[in-house]
Amino acid sequence: MATRTRRAPGFKISTDPRRLDLRMVHQFLTKAYWSPGIPLGLVRRSIKGSLPVGVYDGRRQVGFARVITDYATYAYIADVFVLEEYRGRGLSKLLMKSIMSHPKLQGLRRWSLVTRDAHGLYKQFGFQPLASPERYMEIVRRDVYASSVPTKSRTRSTR
């Protein structure tokens, strides 16, 4: 798949997975409220199955998001973050603008995401609370990363 690059003064957005600083992404995600303790191998696999989007200050990666999508009808935005020392510079907006305008993500019927504290950001891009929450169902295994079960076994049990 072709990669896409977008520039802002001093910063660059890229969908090239070869540019990702996997260790930095893992380090952030392992401490994030939504993925505490996530194993490196699982982060690697999640990126492989998604459209990754990195934010760069020169060569240094300072932000990340990934889009889980079929490129035809649906996209789920996950793992969005900007490193703390880079917050307040509009980078999360730049990241979201890049995702929402990506040519391969146009014309999708449904977009979704889950957030605890960034509702204001996502509302700027048209996201709203669920119109029919009674239709949605989920399975949440909050302690799955803390389990001593190998990653392959955990993956099979969640399908």
Protein backbone atom coordinates (compact mmCIF):
# COMPACT_ATOMS: atom_id res chain seq x y z
CA MET A 1 0.00 0.00 0.00
CA ALA A 2 1.28 3.46 -0.89
CA THR A 3 2.22 5.69 1.99
CA ARG A 4 1.03 9.23 2.43
CA THR A 5 2.91 12.20 3.84
CA ARG A 6 1.54 15.54 5.02
CA ARG A 7 3.61 18.45 6.30
CA ALA A 8 2.97 21.18 8.84
CA PRO A 9 5.47 23.83 9.92
CA GLY A 10 8.20 21.82 11.60
CA PHE A 11 6.21 18.55 11.66
CA LYS A 12 5.43 15.75 9.26
CA ILE A 13 2.63 13.16 9.21
CA SER A 14 3.38 9.86 7.50
CA THR A 15 1.61 6.55 6.97
CA ASP A 16 4.88 4.79 6.17
CA PRO A 17 5.14 1.90 8.67
CA ARG A 18 8.92 1.75 8.11
CA ARG A 19 9.29 5.17 9.77
CA LEU A 20 7.57 4.13 13.01
CA ASP A 21 9.56 4.07 16.23
CA LEU A 22 8.00 0.85 17.47
CA ARG A 23 9.76 0.99 20.83
CA MET A 24 8.46 4.52 21.53
CA VAL A 25 4.92 3.55 20.49
CA HIS A 26 5.08 0.45 22.70
CA GLN A 27 6.53 2.39 25.62
CA PHE A 28 3.66 4.89 25.45
CA LEU A 29 0.93 2.30 24.95
CA THR A 30 2.11 0.06 27.77
CA LYS A 31 1.43 2.94 30.18
CA ALA A 32 -1.75 4.28 28.53
CA TYR A 33 -5.07 3.80 30.34
CA TRP A 34 -6.49 1.78 27.45
CA SER A 35 -3.60 -0.70 27.03
CA PRO A 36 -1.58 -1.08 30.26
CA GLY A 37 1.10 -3.70 29.94
CA ILE A 38 0.48 -4.51 26.26
CA PRO A 39 3.28 -6.75 24.96
CA LEU A 40 5.60 -5.45 22.22
CA GLY A 41 4.69 -8.34 19.90
CA LEU A 42 1.02 -7.47 20.16
CA VAL A 43 1.72 -3.80 19.35
CA ARG A 44 3.74 -4.94 16.32
CA ARG A 45 0.90 -7.20 15.16
CA SER A 46 -1.75 -4.51 15.71
CA ILE A 47 0.20 -2.07 13.54
CA LYS A 48 0.65 -4.67 10.82
CA GLY A 49 -3.15 -5.08 10.61
CA SER A 50 -3.89 -1.34 10.54
CA LEU A 51 -3.14 1.88 8.72
CA PRO A 52 -0.51 3.46 11.00
CA VAL A 53 -0.11 7.23 11.14
CA GLY A 54 2.95 8.80 12.72
CA VAL A 55 3.69 12.42 13.67
CA TYR A 56 7.34 13.43 13.30
CA ASP A 57 9.49 16.31 14.48
CA GLY A 58 12.37 15.83 12.07
CA ARG A 59 13.32 12.18 12.48
CA ARG A 60 11.80 11.88 15.97
CA GLN A 61 8.35 10.34 16.22
CA VAL A 62 6.20 12.37 18.61
CA GLY A 63 2.69 11.05 17.96
CA PHE A 64 0.79 8.07 16.66
CA ALA A 65 -2.60 6.69 15.71
CA ARG A 66 -3.79 3.70 13.76
CA VAL A 67 -6.90 3.10 11.74
CA ILE A 68 -8.45 -0.37 11.68
CA THR A 69 -10.45 -0.51 8.47
CA ASP A 70 -11.73 -2.51 5.53
CA TYR A 71 -11.17 0.60 3.33
CA ALA A 72 -14.72 0.22 2.00
CA THR A 73 -17.34 0.70 4.71
CA TYR A 74 -15.86 1.11 8.21
CA ALA A 75 -12.94 2.59 10.14
CA TYR A 76 -12.08 2.48 13.82
CA ILE A 77 -9.50 4.97 15.11
CA ALA A 78 -7.29 3.57 17.86
CA ASP A 79 -4.21 4.29 19.97
CA VAL A 80 -4.17 8.05 19.34
CA PHE A 81 -1.52 9.96 21.25
CA VAL A 82 0.95 12.83 21.14
CA LEU A 83 3.91 12.78 23.52
CA GLU A 84 3.30 15.06 26.50
CA GLU A 85 6.09 17.51 25.69
CA TYR A 86 4.54 18.08 22.23
CA ARG A 87 0.95 18.63 23.36
CA GLY A 88 -0.70 22.01 22.92
CA ARG A 89 0.76 22.57 19.44
CA GLY A 90 -2.24 21.36 17.43
CA LEU A 91 -0.62 18.04 16.55
CA SER A 92 -3.62 15.93 17.55
CA LYS A 93 -5.76 18.04 15.21
CA LEU A 94 -3.19 17.66 12.45
CA LEU A 95 -3.14 13.90 13.06
CA MET A 96 -6.94 13.65 12.91
CA LYS A 97 -7.14 15.91 9.86
CA SER A 98 -4.66 13.62 8.09
CA ILE A 99 -6.65 10.52 9.00
CA MET A 100 -10.03 11.94 8.03
CA SER A 101 -8.72 13.25 4.68
CA HIS A 102 -6.77 10.14 3.71
CA PRO A 103 -7.79 9.24 0.12
CA LYS A 104 -8.30 5.54 0.91
CA LEU A 105 -10.66 6.39 3.78
CA GLN A 106 -13.13 8.51 1.83
CA GLY A 107 -16.76 7.47 1.43
CA LEU A 108 -16.85 5.15 4.44
CA ARG A 109 -20.29 4.59 5.93
CA ARG A 110 -19.20 4.47 9.57
CA TRP A 111 -16.31 5.68 11.70
CA SER A 112 -15.92 4.96 15.39
CA LEU A 113 -13.54 5.37 18.29
CA VAL A 114 -13.51 5.16 22.06
CA THR A 115 -12.14 7.87 24.33
CA ARG A 116 -12.18 8.68 28.01
CA ASP A 117 -11.09 12.30 27.82
CA ALA A 118 -10.72 13.69 24.27
CA HIS A 119 -14.36 14.20 23.27
CA GLY A 120 -13.72 17.85 22.37
CA LEU A 121 -11.04 16.92 19.85
CA TYR A 122 -13.13 14.30 18.12
CA LYS A 123 -16.30 16.44 18.02
CA GLN A 124 -14.34 18.85 15.78
CA PHE A 125 -14.21 16.05 13.21
CA GLY A 126 -17.88 15.13 13.39
CA PHE A 127 -17.82 12.39 16.02
CA GLN A 128 -20.89 12.24 18.27
CA PRO A 129 -22.05 9.95 21.09
CA LEU A 130 -23.67 6.75 19.83
CA ALA A 131 -27.07 7.42 18.28
CA SER A 132 -28.29 3.93 19.23
CA PRO A 133 -26.09 2.61 22.04
CA GLU A 134 -28.57 -0.19 22.68
CA ARG A 135 -27.49 -1.76 19.37
CA TYR A 136 -23.82 -2.01 20.28
CA MET A 137 -22.33 -4.96 22.11
CA GLU A 138 -18.80 -5.66 23.24
CA ILE A 139 -16.51 -8.00 25.08
CA VAL A 140 -13.91 -6.27 27.23
CA ARG A 141 -11.07 -8.22 28.82
CA ARG A 142 -9.32 -5.56 30.86
CA ASP A 143 -6.62 -7.84 32.28
CA VAL A 144 -5.74 -9.66 29.05
CA TYR A 145 -2.24 -8.09 28.83
CA ALA A 146 -1.45 -8.98 32.43
CA SER A 147 -2.34 -12.63 31.86
CA SER A 148 0.46 -15.15 31.72
CA VAL A 149 -1.20 -16.88 28.75
CA PRO A 150 0.93 -16.59 25.58
CA THR A 151 -0.24 -14.02 23.00
CA LYS A 152 -1.27 -16.67 20.44
CA SER A 153 -3.61 -18.37 22.91
CA ARG A 154 -5.15 -15.07 23.98
CA THR A 155 -5.77 -14.13 20.36
CA ARG A 156 -7.59 -17.38 19.64
CA SER A 157 -9.81 -16.98 22.70
CA THR A 158 -11.00 -13.50 21.64
CA ARG A 159 -12.23 -14.49 18.19
